[in-house]
Amino acid sequence: MKVETILGRGHSCNVFLVESEKNFLVDAGMGIADRVKKRINDVNIDSIVLTHRHIDHVADAKELSDELDATLYAAPKEARALREGDDMSILSSSFGMSFSPLEIETLETDTFSGFEVLLTPGHTEESICLYHEDEKILFSGDTVFANGGAGRTDLPTGDRKKLVESIGKLNKLQVNTMYPGHMSTVRENAGTHIEQSLKNLKMF
């Protein structure tokens, strides 16, 4: 397996190119589509998995999906909001943007291209993480970040209690490498960062 990181700029999330059983992207970013396409080069992308509905993760989804002929996927409640173009919960209106409804498939399986699909609500009502047990890799979206960081819960559909429960679930996994939606990748002992995040949330 090979993972390549396209770092977000400004408000955009990081985008990850995963070459696995299927080649796919984790998240689509905002305003970085040209950089993503350049980094992909001649890799055939089968799909784009969106960790949640927020505009900084999905703004470039249609452009990338159309140009790469890649299927978009998200968890059921996230996919519904994206199909409906729910500006309020997608946060596009907060950025002064309008959002056109997406053609997107519902990700309802427990596994995707060798990864476990983990429902981790809290940052949004049906955020997901992707976990590879053999490789001990976690794509954590905006659920948990490096150095004990965690996603906001003061946005539409956010829920602090559920976020604590979700990070508690992640804390039980064996994670060595973590690829979060923002900031830096954790290359080793990522489990300690997840544990610190859980401790930080429980302190307040």
Protein backbone atom coordinates (compact mmCIF):
# COMPACT_ATOMS: atom_id res chain seq x y z
CA MET A 1 0.00 0.00 0.00
CA LYS A 2 1.11 3.53 -0.79
CA VAL A 3 -0.28 6.75 0.69
CA GLU A 4 0.56 10.18 -0.67
CA THR A 5 -0.46 13.40 1.10
CA ILE A 6 -1.59 16.55 -0.66
CA LEU A 7 -1.48 19.13 2.12
CA GLY A 8 -4.36 21.53 2.42
CA ARG A 9 -3.82 25.25 2.02
CA GLY A 10 -5.81 27.96 3.74
CA HIS A 11 -9.00 26.40 5.05
CA SER A 12 -8.76 23.30 2.85
CA CYS A 13 -8.33 19.89 4.36
CA ASN A 14 -5.55 17.50 3.45
CA VAL A 15 -6.29 15.08 0.62
CA PHE A 16 -4.81 11.59 0.56
CA LEU A 17 -4.09 9.40 -2.45
CA VAL A 18 -4.30 5.74 -1.45
CA GLU A 19 -3.01 3.04 -3.75
CA SER A 20 -4.49 -0.16 -2.37
CA GLU A 21 -6.93 -2.84 -3.58
CA LYS A 22 -8.61 0.10 -5.29
CA ASN A 23 -6.94 3.43 -5.83
CA PHE A 24 -8.94 6.14 -4.10
CA LEU A 25 -8.81 9.58 -2.55
CA VAL A 26 -9.72 10.38 1.02
CA ASP A 27 -11.56 13.72 0.90
CA ALA A 28 -11.52 16.24 -1.94
CA GLY A 29 -10.39 19.52 -0.42
CA MET A 30 -11.30 23.10 -1.23
CA GLY A 31 -9.54 25.09 -3.92
CA ILE A 32 -6.72 22.58 -4.39
CA ALA A 33 -8.11 20.42 -7.21
CA ASP A 34 -5.32 21.36 -9.63
CA ARG A 35 -2.68 20.32 -7.12
CA VAL A 36 -4.48 17.05 -6.45
CA LYS A 37 -4.73 16.23 -10.16
CA LYS A 38 -1.07 17.04 -10.68
CA ARG A 39 0.00 14.73 -7.85
CA ILE A 40 -2.23 11.92 -9.09
CA ASN A 41 -0.51 12.04 -12.47
CA ASP A 42 -1.38 8.79 -14.27
CA VAL A 43 -2.83 6.83 -11.30
CA ASN A 44 -6.30 5.55 -12.12
CA ILE A 45 -8.61 6.72 -9.32
CA ASP A 46 -11.62 4.51 -8.72
CA SER A 47 -13.37 6.52 -6.01
CA ILE A 48 -13.31 9.43 -3.57
CA VAL A 49 -14.34 8.76 0.03
CA LEU A 50 -15.52 11.82 1.94
CA THR A 51 -15.01 11.63 5.68
CA HIS A 52 -17.80 14.13 6.31
CA ARG A 53 -19.90 16.86 4.71
CA HIS A 54 -18.03 20.08 5.52
CA ILE A 55 -17.17 22.36 2.62
CA ASP A 56 -13.41 22.32 3.27
CA HIS A 57 -13.52 18.56 2.54
CA VAL A 58 -16.02 18.50 -0.33
CA ALA A 59 -15.79 21.75 -2.35
CA ASP A 60 -13.61 20.15 -5.04
CA ALA A 61 -15.52 16.85 -5.04
CA LYS A 62 -17.55 17.40 -8.22
CA GLU A 63 -14.58 18.66 -10.24
CA LEU A 64 -12.37 15.76 -9.18
CA SER A 65 -15.13 13.19 -9.59
CA ASP A 66 -15.96 14.40 -13.11
CA GLU A 67 -12.39 14.71 -14.35
CA LEU A 68 -11.13 11.48 -12.78
CA ASP A 69 -14.33 9.51 -13.51
CA ALA A 70 -14.33 8.56 -9.83
CA THR A 71 -17.37 7.61 -7.74
CA LEU A 72 -18.07 9.72 -4.66
CA TYR A 73 -18.93 8.01 -1.38
CA ALA A 74 -19.98 9.19 2.08
CA ALA A 75 -21.84 7.74 5.06
CA PRO A 76 -25.65 7.80 4.69
CA LYS A 77 -26.51 11.00 6.60
CA GLU A 78 -23.52 12.86 5.17
CA ALA A 79 -24.39 11.72 1.64
CA ARG A 80 -27.99 12.86 2.06
CA ALA A 81 -26.90 16.36 3.11
CA LEU A 82 -24.55 16.54 0.12
CA ARG A 83 -27.25 15.35 -2.28
CA GLU A 84 -29.63 17.97 -0.90
CA GLY A 85 -27.05 20.76 -0.96
CA ASP A 86 -27.68 21.60 2.70
CA ASP A 87 -25.66 24.83 2.82
CA MET A 88 -26.16 25.32 6.55
CA SER A 89 -24.70 22.01 7.73
CA ILE A 90 -22.17 21.80 4.88
CA LEU A 91 -20.93 25.25 6.04
CA SER A 92 -20.70 26.62 2.51
CA SER A 93 -22.73 29.66 3.55
CA SER A 94 -20.19 30.35 6.31
CA PHE A 95 -17.55 30.75 3.61
CA GLY A 96 -19.75 32.91 1.40
CA MET A 97 -20.10 30.06 -1.05
CA SER A 98 -23.03 28.26 -2.64
CA PHE A 99 -22.97 24.50 -2.90
CA SER A 100 -24.48 22.49 -5.74
CA PRO A 101 -25.93 19.11 -4.77
CA LEU A 102 -23.60 16.20 -5.46
CA GLU A 103 -24.24 12.89 -7.15
CA ILE A 104 -22.86 10.66 -4.44
CA GLU A 105 -23.20 7.04 -3.40
CA THR A 106 -23.96 5.91 0.14
CA LEU A 107 -21.11 4.10 1.85
CA GLU A 108 -22.94 1.41 3.80
CA THR A 109 -20.35 -1.37 3.89
CA ASP A 110 -18.14 -2.17 6.89
CA THR A 111 -15.06 -2.34 4.69
CA PHE A 112 -13.70 -0.40 1.74
CA SER A 113 -10.63 -1.45 -0.25
CA GLY A 114 -9.14 -3.31 2.71
CA PHE A 115 -10.04 -0.61 5.26
CA GLU A 116 -12.60 -0.82 8.04
CA VAL A 117 -15.20 1.94 7.77
CA LEU A 118 -15.73 3.30 11.28
CA LEU A 119 -18.66 5.55 12.12
CA THR A 120 -17.27 8.28 14.37
CA PRO A 121 -20.01 10.86 14.99
CA GLY A 122 -19.29 14.01 16.93
CA HIS A 123 -17.73 16.51 14.56
CA THR A 124 -20.73 15.85 12.32
CA GLU A 125 -23.55 13.41 12.86
CA GLU A 126 -22.05 10.65 10.73
CA SER A 127 -18.36 11.36 10.22
CA ILE A 128 -16.25 8.34 9.36
CA CYS A 129 -12.67 7.17 9.80
CA LEU A 130 -10.90 4.50 7.77
CA TYR A 131 -8.72 1.96 9.58
CA HIS A 132 -6.36 -0.68 8.19
CA GLU A 133 -5.64 -3.24 10.89
CA ASP A 134 -2.64 -4.92 9.25
CA GLU A 135 -0.92 -1.65 8.36
CA LYS A 136 -2.10 0.08 11.59
CA ILE A 137 -3.13 3.11 9.52
CA LEU A 138 -5.97 5.48 10.41
CA PHE A 139 -7.50 8.19 8.22
CA SER A 140 -9.12 10.23 10.96
CA GLY A 141 -10.87 13.06 9.09
CA ASP A 142 -11.72 15.82 11.54
CA THR A 143 -12.41 13.46 14.42
CA VAL A 144 -8.92 13.51 15.91
CA PHE A 145 -5.69 15.34 15.08
CA ALA A 146 -2.02 15.18 16.01
CA ASN A 147 -0.84 16.22 19.46
CA GLY A 148 -4.14 15.59 21.21
CA GLY A 149 -6.34 17.73 18.97
CA ALA A 150 -9.96 16.93 18.19
CA GLY A 151 -12.70 18.16 15.89
CA ARG A 152 -15.04 21.00 16.78
CA THR A 153 -18.49 20.14 18.06
CA ASP A 154 -20.05 23.62 18.04
CA LEU A 155 -21.06 23.41 14.38
CA PRO A 156 -24.36 22.08 12.95
CA THR A 157 -24.91 18.36 13.80
CA GLY A 158 -21.86 18.38 16.12
CA ASP A 159 -22.12 16.55 19.45
CA ARG A 160 -19.39 16.65 22.09
CA LYS A 161 -20.57 13.56 23.96
CA LYS A 162 -20.58 11.52 20.76
CA LEU A 163 -17.13 12.81 19.82
CA VAL A 164 -15.76 11.61 23.16
CA GLU A 165 -17.34 8.21 22.55
CA SER A 166 -15.93 8.06 19.01
CA ILE A 167 -12.41 8.93 20.09
CA GLY A 168 -12.76 6.39 22.88
CA LYS A 169 -13.49 3.79 20.21
CA LEU A 170 -10.46 4.86 18.19
CA ASN A 171 -8.33 4.71 21.33
CA LYS A 172 -8.92 0.96 21.47
CA LEU A 173 -7.31 0.41 18.07
CA GLN A 174 -3.67 -0.29 17.34
CA VAL A 175 -2.71 2.82 15.35
CA ASN A 176 0.83 3.57 14.31
CA THR A 177 0.27 6.04 11.45
CA MET A 178 -2.53 8.61 11.45
CA TYR A 179 -3.54 10.80 8.52
CA PRO A 180 -5.80 13.58 9.86
CA GLY A 181 -7.92 15.97 7.85
CA HIS A 182 -5.82 18.95 8.92
CA MET A 183 -2.31 19.59 10.14
CA SER A 184 0.48 17.06 10.13
CA THR A 185 0.54 13.30 9.69
CA VAL A 186 1.62 11.22 12.67
CA ARG A 187 4.20 8.74 11.39
CA GLU A 188 4.65 6.57 14.49
CA ASN A 189 2.96 5.84 17.81
CA ALA A 190 -0.22 7.59 16.69
CA GLY A 191 -2.15 5.83 19.41
CA THR A 192 -0.55 8.11 21.99
CA HIS A 193 -1.95 11.15 20.16
CA ILE A 194 -5.44 9.63 20.18
CA GLU A 195 -5.13 8.82 23.87
CA GLN A 196 -4.07 12.41 24.60
CA SER A 197 -7.02 13.73 22.63
CA LEU A 198 -9.39 11.65 24.72
CA LYS A 199 -7.78 12.86 27.94
CA ASN A 200 -7.97 16.48 26.81
CA LEU A 201 -11.68 16.20 25.99
CA LYS A 202 -12.47 14.59 29.33
CA MET A 203 -10.69 17.38 31.23
CA PHE A 204 -13.20 20.04 30.17
